[in-house]
C-alpha atoms as a PDB file:
ATOM      1  CA  VAL A   1     -66.366 -15.696 -84.577  1.00  0.00           C
ATOM      2  CA  VAL A   2     -64.791 -12.712 -86.322  1.00  0.00           C
ATOM      3  CA  VAL A   3     -63.301  -9.756 -84.433  1.00  0.00           C
ATOM      4  CA  LYS A   4     -62.104  -6.337 -85.550  1.00  0.00           C
ATOM      5  CA  CYS A   5     -58.410  -5.761 -84.862  1.00  0.00           C
ATOM      6  CA  GLU A   6     -56.565  -2.551 -84.053  1.00  0.00           C
ATOM      7  CA  ASP A   7     -55.535  -2.180 -87.706  1.00  0.00           C
ATOM      8  CA  GLY A   8     -59.222  -2.112 -88.679  1.00  0.00           C
ATOM      9  CA  LYS A   9     -59.124  -5.546 -90.325  1.00  0.00           C
ATOM     10  CA  TRP A  10     -61.491  -8.360 -89.405  1.00  0.00           C
ATOM     11  CA  ARG A  11     -59.907 -11.669 -88.353  1.00  0.00           C
ATOM     12  CA  TYR A  12     -61.055 -15.015 -87.010  1.00  0.00           C
ATOM     13  CA  LYS A  13     -60.816 -15.053 -83.221  1.00  0.00           C
ATOM     14  CA  ASN A  14     -59.689 -18.704 -83.086  1.00  0.00           C
ATOM     15  CA  ARG A  15     -56.721 -17.918 -85.320  1.00  0.00           C
ATOM     16  CA  LEU A  16     -55.768 -14.847 -83.278  1.00  0.00           C
ATOM     17  CA  VAL A  17     -55.902 -16.846 -80.041  1.00  0.00           C
ATOM     18  CA  TYR A  18     -53.881 -19.716 -81.537  1.00  0.00           C
ATOM     19  CA  GLU A  19     -51.230 -17.433 -83.034  1.00  0.00           C
ATOM     20  CA  SER A  20     -50.875 -15.402 -79.827  1.00  0.00           C
ATOM     21  CA  GLU A  21     -49.838 -18.626 -78.062  1.00  0.00           C
ATOM     22  CA  HIS A  22     -47.994 -20.578 -80.794  1.00  0.00           C
ATOM     23  CA  GLY A  23     -46.880 -18.039 -83.386  1.00  0.00           C
ATOM     24  CA  ALA A  24     -47.836 -17.846 -87.048  1.00  0.00           C
ATOM     25  CA  LEU A  25     -50.024 -20.594 -88.449  1.00  0.00           C
ATOM     26  CA  PRO A  26     -48.037 -22.815 -90.847  1.00  0.00           C
ATOM     27  CA  ASP A  27     -48.946 -22.646 -94.538  1.00  0.00           C
ATOM     28  CA  GLY A  28     -51.657 -25.100 -95.519  1.00  0.00           C
ATOM     29  CA  HIS A  29     -53.014 -25.323 -91.969  1.00  0.00           C
ATOM     30  CA  CYS A  30     -56.150 -24.042 -90.288  1.00  0.00           C
ATOM     31  CA  VAL A  31     -57.158 -23.792 -86.646  1.00  0.00           C
ATOM     32  CA  MET A  32     -59.584 -26.507 -85.635  1.00  0.00           C
ATOM     33  CA  PHE A  33     -61.973 -26.556 -82.660  1.00  0.00           C
ATOM     34  CA  LEU A  34     -61.342 -29.849 -80.866  1.00  0.00           C
ATOM     35  CA  ASP A  35     -64.830 -29.893 -79.338  1.00  0.00           C
ATOM     36  CA  ASN A  36     -66.423 -28.841 -82.666  1.00  0.00           C
ATOM     37  CA  ASN A  37     -67.787 -25.697 -80.978  1.00  0.00           C
ATOM     38  CA  PRO A  38     -66.807 -22.583 -82.973  1.00  0.00           C
ATOM     39  CA  LEU A  39     -67.651 -20.366 -80.004  1.00  0.00           C
ATOM     40  CA  ASN A  40     -65.081 -22.055 -77.730  1.00  0.00           C
ATOM     41  CA  CYS A  41     -61.841 -20.191 -78.485  1.00  0.00           C
ATOM     42  CA  ASP A  42     -60.051 -21.434 -75.371  1.00  0.00           C
ATOM     43  CA  ILE A  43     -56.426 -22.162 -76.333  1.00  0.00           C
ATOM     44  CA  ASP A  44     -56.744 -25.757 -75.069  1.00  0.00           C
ATOM     45  CA  ASN A  45     -59.579 -26.288 -77.547  1.00  0.00           C
ATOM     46  CA  LEU A  46     -57.599 -25.147 -80.602  1.00  0.00           C
ATOM     47  CA  MET A  47     -55.245 -27.170 -82.796  1.00  0.00           C
ATOM     48  CA  ALA A  48     -53.433 -26.301 -86.023  1.00  0.00           C
ATOM     49  CA  VAL A  49     -54.234 -29.017 -88.541  1.00  0.00           C
ATOM     50  CA  PRO A  50     -53.299 -29.425 -92.212  1.00  0.00           C
ATOM     51  CA  ARG A  51     -56.246 -28.690 -94.495  1.00  0.00           C
ATOM     52  CA  THR A  52     -55.973 -32.187 -95.999  1.00  0.00           C
ATOM     53  CA  ILE A  53     -56.634 -33.696 -92.585  1.00  0.00           C
ATOM     54  CA  VAL A  54     -59.562 -31.344 -91.921  1.00  0.00           C
ATOM     55  CA  ALA A  55     -61.069 -32.543 -95.211  1.00  0.00           C
ATOM     56  CA  MET A  56     -60.531 -36.189 -94.219  1.00  0.00           C
ATOM     57  CA  LEU A  57     -62.174 -35.609 -90.839  1.00  0.00           C
ATOM     58  CA  ALA A  58     -65.131 -33.725 -92.268  1.00  0.00           C
ATOM     59  CA  GLY A  59     -65.729 -36.369 -94.933  1.00  0.00           C
ATOM     60  CA  SER A  60     -65.612 -39.236 -92.459  1.00  0.00           C
ATOM     61  CA  GLY A  61     -67.643 -37.774 -89.601  1.00  0.00           C
ATOM     62  CA  MET A  62     -64.764 -38.274 -87.148  1.00  0.00           C
ATOM     63  CA  ILE A  63     -65.021 -34.813 -85.565  1.00  0.00           C
ATOM     64  CA  SER A  64     -66.477 -35.183 -82.080  1.00  0.00           C
ATOM     65  CA  GLU A  65     -67.744 -32.954 -79.306  1.00  0.00           C
ATOM     66  CA  GLU A  66     -65.184 -34.760 -77.129  1.00  0.00           C
ATOM     67  CA  PRO A  67     -61.751 -33.147 -77.701  1.00  0.00           C
ATOM     68  CA  ARG A  68     -59.780 -36.359 -76.997  1.00  0.00           C
ATOM     69  CA  ILE A  69     -61.711 -38.213 -79.682  1.00  0.00           C
ATOM     70  CA  THR A  70     -61.062 -35.451 -82.206  1.00  0.00           C
ATOM     71  CA  GLU A  71     -57.345 -35.402 -81.303  1.00  0.00           C
ATOM     72  CA  THR A  72     -57.212 -39.177 -81.776  1.00  0.00           C
ATOM     73  CA  ALA A  73     -58.953 -38.843 -85.142  1.00  0.00           C
ATOM     74  CA  VAL A  74     -56.334 -36.264 -86.229  1.00  0.00           C
ATOM     75  CA  THR A  75     -53.578 -38.695 -85.210  1.00  0.00           C
ATOM     76  CA  TRP A  76     -55.319 -41.499 -87.135  1.00  0.00           C
ATOM     77  CA  CYS A  77     -55.453 -39.313 -90.256  1.00  0.00           C
ATOM     78  CA  ARG A  78     -51.769 -38.440 -89.939  1.00  0.00           C
ATOM     79  CA  LEU A  79     -50.968 -42.154 -89.694  1.00  0.00           C
ATOM     80  CA  ALA A  80     -53.190 -43.030 -92.653  1.00  0.00           C
ATOM     81  CA  LEU A  81     -51.463 -40.371 -94.770  1.00  0.00           C
ATOM     82  CA  ALA A  82     -48.024 -41.565 -93.674  1.00  0.00           C
ATOM     83  CA  LEU A  83     -48.863 -45.168 -94.530  1.00  0.00           C
ATOM     84  CA  GLY A  84     -50.079 -44.100 -97.939  1.00  0.00           C
ATOM     85  CA  GLU A  85     -46.899 -42.159 -98.562  1.00  0.00           C
ATOM     86  CA  THR A  86     -44.710 -45.152 -97.711  1.00  0.00           C
ATOM     87  CA  GLY A  87     -46.669 -47.551 -99.902  1.00  0.00           C
ATOM     88  CA  ILE A  88     -47.667 -49.788 -96.966  1.00  0.00           C
ATOM     89  CA  ASP A  89     -51.094 -51.335 -97.425  1.00  0.00           C
ATOM     90  CA  GLU A  90     -53.573 -50.953 -94.588  1.00  0.00           C
ATOM     91  CA  GLU A  91     -54.758 -54.476 -93.848  1.00  0.00           C
END
């Protein structure tokens, strides 16, 4: 959902809602809908996630309509990236 702001610019509503609560979005991150519903801009449904993790989730089909499952999938991706960075094999 895109909304027109006071300055006349169009912005994504999910990002505006997230940033109003948590401050500026970190570089390389996007705001993800935990329930995979782009119309649900409730702050509890939004999470800032690195773009690399969003790509991992999208490619693996781990995004769920259940927010807890999506949050767990994000945590799993963070762990998988950390293990790869330390050189530990996943066995």
